[in-house]
């Protein structure tokens, strides 16, 4: 249902941006 939001969380975590991945 929310592919963009889920992809954003995944990509941020994969980039090592843990705090940013937590926000969504």
PDBML (XML) file of the C-alpha atoms, coordinates in Angstrom:
<?xml version="1.0" encoding="UTF-8" ?>
<PDBx:datablock datablockName="MODEL"
   xmlns:PDBx="http://pdbml.pdb.org/schema/pdbx-v50.xsd"
   xmlns:xsi="http://www.w3.org/2001/XMLSchema-instance"
   xsi:schemaLocation="http://pdbml.pdb.org/schema/pdbx-v50.xsd pdbx-v50.xsd">
   <PDBx:atom_siteCategory>
      <PDBx:atom_site id="1">
         <PDBx:B_iso_or_equiv>0.00</PDBx:B_iso_or_equiv>
         <PDBx:Cartn_x>0.000</PDBx:Cartn_x>
         <PDBx:Cartn_y>0.000</PDBx:Cartn_y>
         <PDBx:Cartn_z>0.000</PDBx:Cartn_z>
         <PDBx:auth_asym_id>A</PDBx:auth_asym_id>
         <PDBx:auth_atom_id>CA</PDBx:auth_atom_id>
         <PDBx:auth_comp_id>UNK</PDBx:auth_comp_id>
         <PDBx:auth_seq_id>1</PDBx:auth_seq_id>
         <PDBx:group_PDB>ATOM</PDBx:group_PDB>
         <PDBx:label_alt_id xsi:nil="true" />
         <PDBx:label_asym_id>A</PDBx:label_asym_id>
         <PDBx:label_atom_id>CA</PDBx:label_atom_id>
         <PDBx:label_comp_id>UNK</PDBx:label_comp_id>
         <PDBx:label_entity_id>1</PDBx:label_entity_id>
         <PDBx:label_seq_id>1</PDBx:label_seq_id>
         <PDBx:occupancy>1.00</PDBx:occupancy>
         <PDBx:pdbx_PDB_model_num>1</PDBx:pdbx_PDB_model_num>
         <PDBx:type_symbol>C</PDBx:type_symbol>
      </PDBx:atom_site>
      <PDBx:atom_site id="2">
         <PDBx:B_iso_or_equiv>0.00</PDBx:B_iso_or_equiv>
         <PDBx:Cartn_x>2.798</PDBx:Cartn_x>
         <PDBx:Cartn_y>2.422</PDBx:Cartn_y>
         <PDBx:Cartn_z>0.841</PDBx:Cartn_z>
         <PDBx:auth_asym_id>A</PDBx:auth_asym_id>
         <PDBx:auth_atom_id>CA</PDBx:auth_atom_id>
         <PDBx:auth_comp_id>UNK</PDBx:auth_comp_id>
         <PDBx:auth_seq_id>2</PDBx:auth_seq_id>
         <PDBx:group_PDB>ATOM</PDBx:group_PDB>
         <PDBx:label_alt_id xsi:nil="true" />
         <PDBx:label_asym_id>A</PDBx:label_asym_id>
         <PDBx:label_atom_id>CA</PDBx:label_atom_id>
         <PDBx:label_comp_id>UNK</PDBx:label_comp_id>
         <PDBx:label_entity_id>1</PDBx:label_entity_id>
         <PDBx:label_seq_id>2</PDBx:label_seq_id>
         <PDBx:occupancy>1.00</PDBx:occupancy>
         <PDBx:pdbx_PDB_model_num>1</PDBx:pdbx_PDB_model_num>
         <PDBx:type_symbol>C</PDBx:type_symbol>
      </PDBx:atom_site>
      <PDBx:atom_site id="3">
         <PDBx:B_iso_or_equiv>0.00</PDBx:B_iso_or_equiv>
         <PDBx:Cartn_x>5.751</PDBx:Cartn_x>
         <PDBx:Cartn_y>1.360</PDBx:Cartn_y>
         <PDBx:Cartn_z>-1.332</PDBx:Cartn_z>
         <PDBx:auth_asym_id>A</PDBx:auth_asym_id>
         <PDBx:auth_atom_id>CA</PDBx:auth_atom_id>
         <PDBx:auth_comp_id>UNK</PDBx:auth_comp_id>
         <PDBx:auth_seq_id>3</PDBx:auth_seq_id>
         <PDBx:group_PDB>ATOM</PDBx:group_PDB>
         <PDBx:label_alt_id xsi:nil="true" />
         <PDBx:label_asym_id>A</PDBx:label_asym_id>
         <PDBx:label_atom_id>CA</PDBx:label_atom_id>
         <PDBx:label_comp_id>UNK</PDBx:label_comp_id>
         <PDBx:label_entity_id>1</PDBx:label_entity_id>
         <PDBx:label_seq_id>3</PDBx:label_seq_id>
         <PDBx:occupancy>1.00</PDBx:occupancy>
         <PDBx:pdbx_PDB_model_num>1</PDBx:pdbx_PDB_model_num>
         <PDBx:type_symbol>C</PDBx:type_symbol>
      </PDBx:atom_site>
      <PDBx:atom_site id="4">
         <PDBx:B_iso_or_equiv>0.00</PDBx:B_iso_or_equiv>
         <PDBx:Cartn_x>7.457</PDBx:Cartn_x>
         <PDBx:Cartn_y>4.774</PDBx:Cartn_y>
         <PDBx:Cartn_z>-1.347</PDBx:Cartn_z>
         <PDBx:auth_asym_id>A</PDBx:auth_asym_id>
         <PDBx:auth_atom_id>CA</PDBx:auth_atom_id>
         <PDBx:auth_comp_id>UNK</PDBx:auth_comp_id>
         <PDBx:auth_seq_id>4</PDBx:auth_seq_id>
         <PDBx:group_PDB>ATOM</PDBx:group_PDB>
         <PDBx:label_alt_id xsi:nil="true" />
         <PDBx:label_asym_id>A</PDBx:label_asym_id>
         <PDBx:label_atom_id>CA</PDBx:label_atom_id>
         <PDBx:label_comp_id>UNK</PDBx:label_comp_id>
         <PDBx:label_entity_id>1</PDBx:label_entity_id>
         <PDBx:label_seq_id>4</PDBx:label_seq_id>
         <PDBx:occupancy>1.00</PDBx:occupancy>
         <PDBx:pdbx_PDB_model_num>1</PDBx:pdbx_PDB_model_num>
         <PDBx:type_symbol>C</PDBx:type_symbol>
      </PDBx:atom_site>
      <PDBx:atom_site id="5">
         <PDBx:B_iso_or_equiv>0.00</PDBx:B_iso_or_equiv>
         <PDBx:Cartn_x>7.425</PDBx:Cartn_x>
         <PDBx:Cartn_y>5.063</PDBx:Cartn_y>
         <PDBx:Cartn_z>2.450</PDBx:Cartn_z>
         <PDBx:auth_asym_id>A</PDBx:auth_asym_id>
         <PDBx:auth_atom_id>CA</PDBx:auth_atom_id>
         <PDBx:auth_comp_id>UNK</PDBx:auth_comp_id>
         <PDBx:auth_seq_id>5</PDBx:auth_seq_id>
         <PDBx:group_PDB>ATOM</PDBx:group_PDB>
         <PDBx:label_alt_id xsi:nil="true" />
         <PDBx:label_asym_id>A</PDBx:label_asym_id>
         <PDBx:label_atom_id>CA</PDBx:label_atom_id>
         <PDBx:label_comp_id>UNK</PDBx:label_comp_id>
         <PDBx:label_entity_id>1</PDBx:label_entity_id>
         <PDBx:label_seq_id>5</PDBx:label_seq_id>
         <PDBx:occupancy>1.00</PDBx:occupancy>
         <PDBx:pdbx_PDB_model_num>1</PDBx:pdbx_PDB_model_num>
         <PDBx:type_symbol>C</PDBx:type_symbol>
      </PDBx:atom_site>
      <PDBx:atom_site id="6">
         <PDBx:B_iso_or_equiv>0.00</PDBx:B_iso_or_equiv>
         <PDBx:Cartn_x>8.675</PDBx:Cartn_x>
         <PDBx:Cartn_y>1.509</PDBx:Cartn_y>
         <PDBx:Cartn_z>2.929</PDBx:Cartn_z>
         <PDBx:auth_asym_id>A</PDBx:auth_asym_id>
         <PDBx:auth_atom_id>CA</PDBx:auth_atom_id>
         <PDBx:auth_comp_id>UNK</PDBx:auth_comp_id>
         <PDBx:auth_seq_id>6</PDBx:auth_seq_id>
         <PDBx:group_PDB>ATOM</PDBx:group_PDB>
         <PDBx:label_alt_id xsi:nil="true" />
         <PDBx:label_asym_id>A</PDBx:label_asym_id>
         <PDBx:label_atom_id>CA</PDBx:label_atom_id>
         <PDBx:label_comp_id>UNK</PDBx:label_comp_id>
         <PDBx:label_entity_id>1</PDBx:label_entity_id>
         <PDBx:label_seq_id>6</PDBx:label_seq_id>
         <PDBx:occupancy>1.00</PDBx:occupancy>
         <PDBx:pdbx_PDB_model_num>1</PDBx:pdbx_PDB_model_num>
         <PDBx:type_symbol>C</PDBx:type_symbol>
      </PDBx:atom_site>
      <PDBx:atom_site id="7">
         <PDBx:B_iso_or_equiv>0.00</PDBx:B_iso_or_equiv>
         <PDBx:Cartn_x>11.379</PDBx:Cartn_x>
         <PDBx:Cartn_y>1.906</PDBx:Cartn_y>
         <PDBx:Cartn_z>0.288</PDBx:Cartn_z>
         <PDBx:auth_asym_id>A</PDBx:auth_asym_id>
         <PDBx:auth_atom_id>CA</PDBx:auth_atom_id>
         <PDBx:auth_comp_id>UNK</PDBx:auth_comp_id>
         <PDBx:auth_seq_id>7</PDBx:auth_seq_id>
         <PDBx:group_PDB>ATOM</PDBx:group_PDB>
         <PDBx:label_alt_id xsi:nil="true" />
         <PDBx:label_asym_id>A</PDBx:label_asym_id>
         <PDBx:label_atom_id>CA</PDBx:label_atom_id>
         <PDBx:label_comp_id>UNK</PDBx:label_comp_id>
         <PDBx:label_entity_id>1</PDBx:label_entity_id>
         <PDBx:label_seq_id>7</PDBx:label_seq_id>
         <PDBx:occupancy>1.00</PDBx:occupancy>
         <PDBx:pdbx_PDB_model_num>1</PDBx:pdbx_PDB_model_num>
         <PDBx:type_symbol>C</PDBx:type_symbol>
      </PDBx:atom_site>
      <PDBx:atom_site id="8">
         <PDBx:B_iso_or_equiv>0.00</PDBx:B_iso_or_equiv>
         <PDBx:Cartn_x>12.498</PDBx:Cartn_x>
         <PDBx:Cartn_y>5.169</PDBx:Cartn_y>
         <PDBx:Cartn_z>1.904</PDBx:Cartn_z>
         <PDBx:auth_asym_id>A</PDBx:auth_asym_id>
         <PDBx:auth_atom_id>CA</PDBx:auth_atom_id>
         <PDBx:auth_comp_id>UNK</PDBx:auth_comp_id>
         <PDBx:auth_seq_id>8</PDBx:auth_seq_id>
         <PDBx:group_PDB>ATOM</PDBx:group_PDB>
         <PDBx:label_alt_id xsi:nil="true" />
         <PDBx:label_asym_id>A</PDBx:label_asym_id>
         <PDBx:label_atom_id>CA</PDBx:label_atom_id>
         <PDBx:label_comp_id>UNK</PDBx:label_comp_id>
         <PDBx:label_entity_id>1</PDBx:label_entity_id>
         <PDBx:label_seq_id>8</PDBx:label_seq_id>
         <PDBx:occupancy>1.00</PDBx:occupancy>
         <PDBx:pdbx_PDB_model_num>1</PDBx:pdbx_PDB_model_num>
         <PDBx:type_symbol>C</PDBx:type_symbol>
      </PDBx:atom_site>
      <PDBx:atom_site id="9">
         <PDBx:B_iso_or_equiv>0.00</PDBx:B_iso_or_equiv>
         <PDBx:Cartn_x>12.892</PDBx:Cartn_x>
         <PDBx:Cartn_y>3.470</PDBx:Cartn_y>
         <PDBx:Cartn_z>5.297</PDBx:Cartn_z>
         <PDBx:auth_asym_id>A</PDBx:auth_asym_id>
         <PDBx:auth_atom_id>CA</PDBx:auth_atom_id>
         <PDBx:auth_comp_id>UNK</PDBx:auth_comp_id>
         <PDBx:auth_seq_id>9</PDBx:auth_seq_id>
         <PDBx:group_PDB>ATOM</PDBx:group_PDB>
         <PDBx:label_alt_id xsi:nil="true" />
         <PDBx:label_asym_id>A</PDBx:label_asym_id>
         <PDBx:label_atom_id>CA</PDBx:label_atom_id>
         <PDBx:label_comp_id>UNK</PDBx:label_comp_id>
         <PDBx:label_entity_id>1</PDBx:label_entity_id>
         <PDBx:label_seq_id>9</PDBx:label_seq_id>
         <PDBx:occupancy>1.00</PDBx:occupancy>
         <PDBx:pdbx_PDB_model_num>1</PDBx:pdbx_PDB_model_num>
         <PDBx:type_symbol>C</PDBx:type_symbol>
      </PDBx:atom_site>
      <PDBx:atom_site id="10">
         <PDBx:B_iso_or_equiv>0.00</PDBx:B_iso_or_equiv>
         <PDBx:Cartn_x>14.793</PDBx:Cartn_x>
         <PDBx:Cartn_y>0.595</PDBx:Cartn_y>
         <PDBx:Cartn_z>3.680</PDBx:Cartn_z>
         <PDBx:auth_asym_id>A</PDBx:auth_asym_id>
         <PDBx:auth_atom_id>CA</PDBx:auth_atom_id>
         <PDBx:auth_comp_id>UNK</PDBx:auth_comp_id>
         <PDBx:auth_seq_id>10</PDBx:auth_seq_id>
         <PDBx:group_PDB>ATOM</PDBx:group_PDB>
         <PDBx:label_alt_id xsi:nil="true" />
         <PDBx:label_asym_id>A</PDBx:label_asym_id>
         <PDBx:label_atom_id>CA</PDBx:label_atom_id>
         <PDBx:label_comp_id>UNK</PDBx:label_comp_id>
         <PDBx:label_entity_id>1</PDBx:label_entity_id>
         <PDBx:label_seq_id>10</PDBx:label_seq_id>
         <PDBx:occupancy>1.00</PDBx:occupancy>
         <PDBx:pdbx_PDB_model_num>1</PDBx:pdbx_PDB_model_num>
         <PDBx:type_symbol>C</PDBx:type_symbol>
      </PDBx:atom_site>
      <PDBx:atom_site id="11">
         <PDBx:B_iso_or_equiv>0.00</PDBx:B_iso_or_equiv>
         <PDBx:Cartn_x>17.157</PDBx:Cartn_x>
         <PDBx:Cartn_y>2.792</PDBx:Cartn_y>
         <PDBx:Cartn_z>1.679</PDBx:Cartn_z>
         <PDBx:auth_asym_id>A</PDBx:auth_asym_id>
         <PDBx:auth_atom_id>CA</PDBx:auth_atom_id>
         <PDBx:auth_comp_id>UNK</PDBx:auth_comp_id>
         <PDBx:auth_seq_id>11</PDBx:auth_seq_id>
         <PDBx:group_PDB>ATOM</PDBx:group_PDB>
         <PDBx:label_alt_id xsi:nil="true" />
         <PDBx:label_asym_id>A</PDBx:label_asym_id>
         <PDBx:label_atom_id>CA</PDBx:label_atom_id>
         <PDBx:label_comp_id>UNK</PDBx:label_comp_id>
         <PDBx:label_entity_id>1</PDBx:label_entity_id>
         <PDBx:label_seq_id>11</PDBx:label_seq_id>
         <PDBx:occupancy>1.00</PDBx:occupancy>
         <PDBx:pdbx_PDB_model_num>1</PDBx:pdbx_PDB_model_num>
         <PDBx:type_symbol>C</PDBx:type_symbol>
      </PDBx:atom_site>
      <PDBx:atom_site id="12">
         <PDBx:B_iso_or_equiv>0.00</PDBx:B_iso_or_equiv>
         <PDBx:Cartn_x>17.914</PDBx:Cartn_x>
         <PDBx:Cartn_y>5.065</PDBx:Cartn_y>
         <PDBx:Cartn_z>4.647</PDBx:Cartn_z>
         <PDBx:auth_asym_id>A</PDBx:auth_asym_id>
         <PDBx:auth_atom_id>CA</PDBx:auth_atom_id>
         <PDBx:auth_comp_id>UNK</PDBx:auth_comp_id>
         <PDBx:auth_seq_id>12</PDBx:auth_seq_id>
         <PDBx:group_PDB>ATOM</PDBx:group_PDB>
         <PDBx:label_alt_id xsi:nil="true" />
         <PDBx:label_asym_id>A</PDBx:label_asym_id>
         <PDBx:label_atom_id>CA</PDBx:label_atom_id>
         <PDBx:label_comp_id>UNK</PDBx:label_comp_id>
         <PDBx:label_entity_id>1</PDBx:label_entity_id>
         <PDBx:label_seq_id>12</PDBx:label_seq_id>
         <PDBx:occupancy>1.00</PDBx:occupancy>
         <PDBx:pdbx_PDB_model_num>1</PDBx:pdbx_PDB_model_num>
         <PDBx:type_symbol>C</PDBx:type_symbol>
      </PDBx:atom_site>
      <PDBx:atom_site id="13">
         <PDBx:B_iso_or_equiv>0.00</PDBx:B_iso_or_equiv>
         <PDBx:Cartn_x>18.717</PDBx:Cartn_x>
         <PDBx:Cartn_y>2.073</PDBx:Cartn_y>
         <PDBx:Cartn_z>6.854</PDBx:Cartn_z>
         <PDBx:auth_asym_id>A</PDBx:auth_asym_id>
         <PDBx:auth_atom_id>CA</PDBx:auth_atom_id>
         <PDBx:auth_comp_id>UNK</PDBx:auth_comp_id>
         <PDBx:auth_seq_id>13</PDBx:auth_seq_id>
         <PDBx:group_PDB>ATOM</PDBx:group_PDB>
         <PDBx:label_alt_id xsi:nil="true" />
         <PDBx:label_asym_id>A</PDBx:label_asym_id>
         <PDBx:label_atom_id>CA</PDBx:label_atom_id>
         <PDBx:label_comp_id>UNK</PDBx:label_comp_id>
         <PDBx:label_entity_id>1</PDBx:label_entity_id>
         <PDBx:label_seq_id>13</PDBx:label_seq_id>
         <PDBx:occupancy>1.00</PDBx:occupancy>
         <PDBx:pdbx_PDB_model_num>1</PDBx:pdbx_PDB_model_num>
         <PDBx:type_symbol>C</PDBx:type_symbol>
      </PDBx:atom_site>
      <PDBx:atom_site id="14">
         <PDBx:B_iso_or_equiv>0.00</PDBx:B_iso_or_equiv>
         <PDBx:Cartn_x>20.863</PDBx:Cartn_x>
         <PDBx:Cartn_y>0.515</PDBx:Cartn_y>
         <PDBx:Cartn_z>4.125</PDBx:Cartn_z>
         <PDBx:auth_asym_id>A</PDBx:auth_asym_id>
         <PDBx:auth_atom_id>CA</PDBx:auth_atom_id>
         <PDBx:auth_comp_id>UNK</PDBx:auth_comp_id>
         <PDBx:auth_seq_id>14</PDBx:auth_seq_id>
         <PDBx:group_PDB>ATOM</PDBx:group_PDB>
         <PDBx:label_alt_id xsi:nil="true" />
         <PDBx:label_asym_id>A</PDBx:label_asym_id>
         <PDBx:label_atom_id>CA</PDBx:label_atom_id>
         <PDBx:label_comp_id>UNK</PDBx:label_comp_id>
         <PDBx:label_entity_id>1</PDBx:label_entity_id>
         <PDBx:label_seq_id>14</PDBx:label_seq_id>
         <PDBx:occupancy>1.00</PDBx:occupancy>
         <PDBx:pdbx_PDB_model_num>1</PDBx:pdbx_PDB_model_num>
         <PDBx:type_symbol>C</PDBx:type_symbol>
      </PDBx:atom_site>
      <PDBx:atom_site id="15">
         <PDBx:B_iso_or_equiv>0.00</PDBx:B_iso_or_equiv>
         <PDBx:Cartn_x>22.764</PDBx:Cartn_x>
         <PDBx:Cartn_y>3.798</PDBx:Cartn_y>
         <PDBx:Cartn_z>3.836</PDBx:Cartn_z>
         <PDBx:auth_asym_id>A</PDBx:auth_asym_id>
         <PDBx:auth_atom_id>CA</PDBx:auth_atom_id>
         <PDBx:auth_comp_id>UNK</PDBx:auth_comp_id>
         <PDBx:auth_seq_id>15</PDBx:auth_seq_id>
         <PDBx:group_PDB>ATOM</PDBx:group_PDB>
         <PDBx:label_alt_id xsi:nil="true" />
         <PDBx:label_asym_id>A</PDBx:label_asym_id>
         <PDBx:label_atom_id>CA</PDBx:label_atom_id>
         <PDBx:label_comp_id>UNK</PDBx:label_comp_id>
         <PDBx:label_entity_id>1</PDBx:label_entity_id>
         <PDBx:label_seq_id>15</PDBx:label_seq_id>
         <PDBx:occupancy>1.00</PDBx:occupancy>
         <PDBx:pdbx_PDB_model_num>1</PDBx:pdbx_PDB_model_num>
         <PDBx:type_symbol>C</PDBx:type_symbol>
      </PDBx:atom_site>
      <PDBx:atom_site id="16">
         <PDBx:B_iso_or_equiv>0.00</PDBx:B_iso_or_equiv>
         <PDBx:Cartn_x>23.550</PDBx:Cartn_x>
         <PDBx:Cartn_y>3.680</PDBx:Cartn_y>
         <PDBx:Cartn_z>7.558</PDBx:Cartn_z>
         <PDBx:auth_asym_id>A</PDBx:auth_asym_id>
         <PDBx:auth_atom_id>CA</PDBx:auth_atom_id>
         <PDBx:auth_comp_id>UNK</PDBx:auth_comp_id>
         <PDBx:auth_seq_id>16</PDBx:auth_seq_id>
         <PDBx:group_PDB>ATOM</PDBx:group_PDB>
         <PDBx:label_alt_id xsi:nil="true" />
         <PDBx:label_asym_id>A</PDBx:label_asym_id>
         <PDBx:label_atom_id>CA</PDBx:label_atom_id>
         <PDBx:label_comp_id>UNK</PDBx:label_comp_id>
         <PDBx:label_entity_id>1</PDBx:label_entity_id>
         <PDBx:label_seq_id>16</PDBx:label_seq_id>
         <PDBx:occupancy>1.00</PDBx:occupancy>
         <PDBx:pdbx_PDB_model_num>1</PDBx:pdbx_PDB_model_num>
         <PDBx:type_symbol>C</PDBx:type_symbol>
      </PDBx:atom_site>
      <PDBx:atom_site id="17">
         <PDBx:B_iso_or_equiv>0.00</PDBx:B_iso_or_equiv>
         <PDBx:Cartn_x>21.215</PDBx:Cartn_x>
         <PDBx:Cartn_y>6.584</PDBx:Cartn_y>
         <PDBx:Cartn_z>8.354</PDBx:Cartn_z>
         <PDBx:auth_asym_id>A</PDBx:auth_asym_id>
         <PDBx:auth_atom_id>CA</PDBx:auth_atom_id>
         <PDBx:auth_comp_id>UNK</PDBx:auth_comp_id>
         <PDBx:auth_seq_id>17</PDBx:auth_seq_id>
         <PDBx:group_PDB>ATOM</PDBx:group_PDB>
         <PDBx:label_alt_id xsi:nil="true" />
         <PDBx:label_asym_id>A</PDBx:label_asym_id>
         <PDBx:label_atom_id>CA</PDBx:label_atom_id>
         <PDBx:label_comp_id>UNK</PDBx:label_comp_id>
         <PDBx:label_entity_id>1</PDBx:label_entity_id>
         <PDBx:label_seq_id>17</PDBx:label_seq_id>
         <PDBx:occupancy>1.00</PDBx:occupancy>
         <PDBx:pdbx_PDB_model_num>1</PDBx:pdbx_PDB_model_num>
         <PDBx:type_symbol>C</PDBx:type_symbol>
      </PDBx:atom_site>
      <PDBx:atom_site id="18">
         <PDBx:B_iso_or_equiv>0.00</PDBx:B_iso_or_equiv>
         <PDBx:Cartn_x>19.527</PDBx:Cartn_x>
         <PDBx:Cartn_y>4.879</PDBx:Cartn_y>
         <PDBx:Cartn_z>11.299</PDBx:Cartn_z>
         <PDBx:auth_asym_id>A</PDBx:auth_asym_id>
         <PDBx:auth_atom_id>CA</PDBx:auth_atom_id>
         <PDBx:auth_comp_id>UNK</PDBx:auth_comp_id>
         <PDBx:auth_seq_id>18</PDBx:auth_seq_id>
         <PDBx:group_PDB>ATOM</PDBx:group_PDB>
         <PDBx:label_alt_id xsi:nil="true" />
         <PDBx:label_asym_id>A</PDBx:label_asym_id>
         <PDBx:label_atom_id>CA</PDBx:label_atom_id>
         <PDBx:label_comp_id>UNK</PDBx:label_comp_id>
         <PDBx:label_entity_id>1</PDBx:label_entity_id>
         <PDBx:label_seq_id>18</PDBx:label_seq_id>
         <PDBx:occupancy>1.00</PDBx:occupancy>
         <PDBx:pdbx_PDB_model_num>1</PDBx:pdbx_PDB_model_num>
         <PDBx:type_symbol>C</PDBx:type_symbol>
      </PDBx:atom_site>
      <PDBx:atom_site id="19">
         <PDBx:B_iso_or_equiv>0.00</PDBx:B_iso_or_equiv>
         <PDBx:Cartn_x>17.963</PDBx:Cartn_x>
         <PDBx:Cartn_y>7.980</PDBx:Cartn_y>
         <PDBx:Cartn_z>12.855</PDBx:Cartn_z>
         <PDBx:auth_asym_id>A</PDBx:auth_asym_id>
         <PDBx:auth_atom_id>CA</PDBx:auth_atom_id>
         <PDBx:auth_comp_id>UNK</PDBx:auth_comp_id>
         <PDBx:auth_seq_id>19</PDBx:auth_seq_id>
         <PDBx:group_PDB>ATOM</PDBx:group_PDB>
         <PDBx:label_alt_id xsi:nil="true" />
         <PDBx:label_asym_id>A</PDBx:label_asym_id>
         <PDBx:label_atom_id>CA</PDBx:label_atom_id>
         <PDBx:label_comp_id>UNK</PDBx:label_comp_id>
         <PDBx:label_entity_id>1</PDBx:label_entity_id>
         <PDBx:label_seq_id>19</PDBx:label_seq_id>
         <PDBx:occupancy>1.00</PDBx:occupancy>
         <PDBx:pdbx_PDB_model_num>1</PDBx:pdbx_PDB_model_num>
         <PDBx:type_symbol>C</PDBx:type_symbol>
      </PDBx:atom_site>
      <PDBx:atom_site id="20">
         <PDBx:B_iso_or_equiv>0.00</PDBx:B_iso_or_equiv>
         <PDBx:Cartn_x>16.520</PDBx:Cartn_x>
         <PDBx:Cartn_y>9.116</PDBx:Cartn_y>
         <PDBx:Cartn_z>9.538</PDBx:Cartn_z>
         <PDBx:auth_asym_id>A</PDBx:auth_asym_id>
         <PDBx:auth_atom_id>CA</PDBx:auth_atom_id>
         <PDBx:auth_comp_id>UNK</PDBx:auth_comp_id>
         <PDBx:auth_seq_id>20</PDBx:auth_seq_id>
         <PDBx:group_PDB>ATOM</PDBx:group_PDB>
         <PDBx:label_alt_id xsi:nil="true" />
         <PDBx:label_asym_id>A</PDBx:label_asym_id>
         <PDBx:label_atom_id>CA</PDBx:label_atom_id>
         <PDBx:label_comp_id>UNK</PDBx:label_comp_id>
         <PDBx:label_entity_id>1</PDBx:label_entity_id>
         <PDBx:label_seq_id>20</PDBx:label_seq_id>
         <PDBx:occupancy>1.00</PDBx:occupancy>
         <PDBx:pdbx_PDB_model_num>1</PDBx:pdbx_PDB_model_num>
         <PDBx:type_symbol>C</PDBx:type_symbol>
      </PDBx:atom_site>
      <PDBx:atom_site id="21">
         <PDBx:B_iso_or_equiv>0.00</PDBx:B_iso_or_equiv>
         <PDBx:Cartn_x>15.155</PDBx:Cartn_x>
         <PDBx:Cartn_y>5.616</PDBx:Cartn_y>
         <PDBx:Cartn_z>8.871</PDBx:Cartn_z>
         <PDBx:auth_asym_id>A</PDBx:auth_asym_id>
         <PDBx:auth_atom_id>CA</PDBx:auth_atom_id>
         <PDBx:auth_comp_id>UNK</PDBx:auth_comp_id>
         <PDBx:auth_seq_id>21</PDBx:auth_seq_id>
         <PDBx:group_PDB>ATOM</PDBx:group_PDB>
         <PDBx:label_alt_id xsi:nil="true" />
         <PDBx:label_asym_id>A</PDBx:label_asym_id>
         <PDBx:label_atom_id>CA</PDBx:label_atom_id>
         <PDBx:label_comp_id>UNK</PDBx:label_comp_id>
         <PDBx:label_entity_id>1</PDBx:label_entity_id>
         <PDBx:label_seq_id>21</PDBx:label_seq_id>
         <PDBx:occupancy>1.00</PDBx:occupancy>
         <PDBx:pdbx_PDB_model_num>1</PDBx:pdbx_PDB_model_num>
         <PDBx:type_symbol>C</PDBx:type_symbol>
      </PDBx:atom_site>
      <PDBx:atom_site id="22">
         <PDBx:B_iso_or_equiv>0.00</PDBx:B_iso_or_equiv>
         <PDBx:Cartn_x>13.372</PDBx:Cartn_x>
         <PDBx:Cartn_y>5.683</PDBx:Cartn_y>
         <PDBx:Cartn_z>12.229</PDBx:Cartn_z>
         <PDBx:auth_asym_id>A</PDBx:auth_asym_id>
         <PDBx:auth_atom_id>CA</PDBx:auth_atom_id>
         <PDBx:auth_comp_id>UNK</PDBx:auth_comp_id>
         <PDBx:auth_seq_id>22</PDBx:auth_seq_id>
         <PDBx:group_PDB>ATOM</PDBx:group_PDB>
         <PDBx:label_alt_id xsi:nil="true" />
         <PDBx:label_asym_id>A</PDBx:label_asym_id>
         <PDBx:label_atom_id>CA</PDBx:label_atom_id>
         <PDBx:label_comp_id>UNK</PDBx:label_comp_id>
         <PDBx:label_entity_id>1</PDBx:label_entity_id>
         <PDBx:label_seq_id>22</PDBx:label_seq_id>
         <PDBx:occupancy>1.00</PDBx:occupancy>
         <PDBx:pdbx_PDB_model_num>1</PDBx:pdbx_PDB_model_num>
         <PDBx:type_symbol>C</PDBx:type_symbol>
      </PDBx:atom_site>
      <PDBx:atom_site id="23">
         <PDBx:B_iso_or_equiv>0.00</PDBx:B_iso_or_equiv>
         <PDBx:Cartn_x>11.423</PDBx:Cartn_x>
         <PDBx:Cartn_y>8.862</PDBx:Cartn_y>
         <PDBx:Cartn_z>11.397</PDBx:Cartn_z>
         <PDBx:auth_asym_id>A</PDBx:auth_asym_id>
         <PDBx:auth_atom_id>CA</PDBx:auth_atom_id>
         <PDBx:auth_comp_id>UNK</PDBx:auth_comp_id>
         <PDBx:auth_seq_id>23</PDBx:auth_seq_id>
         <PDBx:group_PDB>ATOM</PDBx:group_PDB>
         <PDBx:label_alt_id xsi:nil="true" />
         <PDBx:label_asym_id>A</PDBx:label_asym_id>
         <PDBx:label_atom_id>CA</PDBx:label_atom_id>
         <PDBx:label_comp_id>UNK</PDBx:label_comp_id>
         <PDBx:label_entity_id>1</PDBx:label_entity_id>
         <PDBx:label_seq_id>23</PDBx:label_seq_id>
         <PDBx:occupancy>1.00</PDBx:occupancy>
         <PDBx:pdbx_PDB_model_num>1</PDBx:pdbx_PDB_model_num>
         <PDBx:type_symbol>C</PDBx:type_symbol>
      </PDBx:atom_site>
      <PDBx:atom_site id="24">
         <PDBx:B_iso_or_equiv>0.00</PDBx:B_iso_or_equiv>
         <PDBx:Cartn_x>8.890</PDBx:Cartn_x>
         <PDBx:Cartn_y>7.387</PDBx:Cartn_y>
         <PDBx:Cartn_z>8.926</PDBx:Cartn_z>
         <PDBx:auth_asym_id>A</PDBx:auth_asym_id>
         <PDBx:auth_atom_id>CA</PDBx:auth_atom_id>
         <PDBx:auth_comp_id>UNK</PDBx:auth_comp_id>
         <PDBx:auth_seq_id>24</PDBx:auth_seq_id>
         <PDBx:group_PDB>ATOM</PDBx:group_PDB>
         <PDBx:label_alt_id xsi:nil="true" />
         <PDBx:label_asym_id>A</PDBx:label_asym_id>
         <PDBx:label_atom_id>CA</PDBx:label_atom_id>
         <PDBx:label_comp_id>UNK</PDBx:label_comp_id>
         <PDBx:label_entity_id>1</PDBx:label_entity_id>
         <PDBx:label_seq_id>24</PDBx:label_seq_id>
         <PDBx:occupancy>1.00</PDBx:occupancy>
         <PDBx:pdbx_PDB_model_num>1</PDBx:pdbx_PDB_model_num>
         <PDBx:type_symbol>C</PDBx:type_symbol>
      </PDBx:atom_site>
   </PDBx:atom_siteCategory>
</PDBx:datablock>
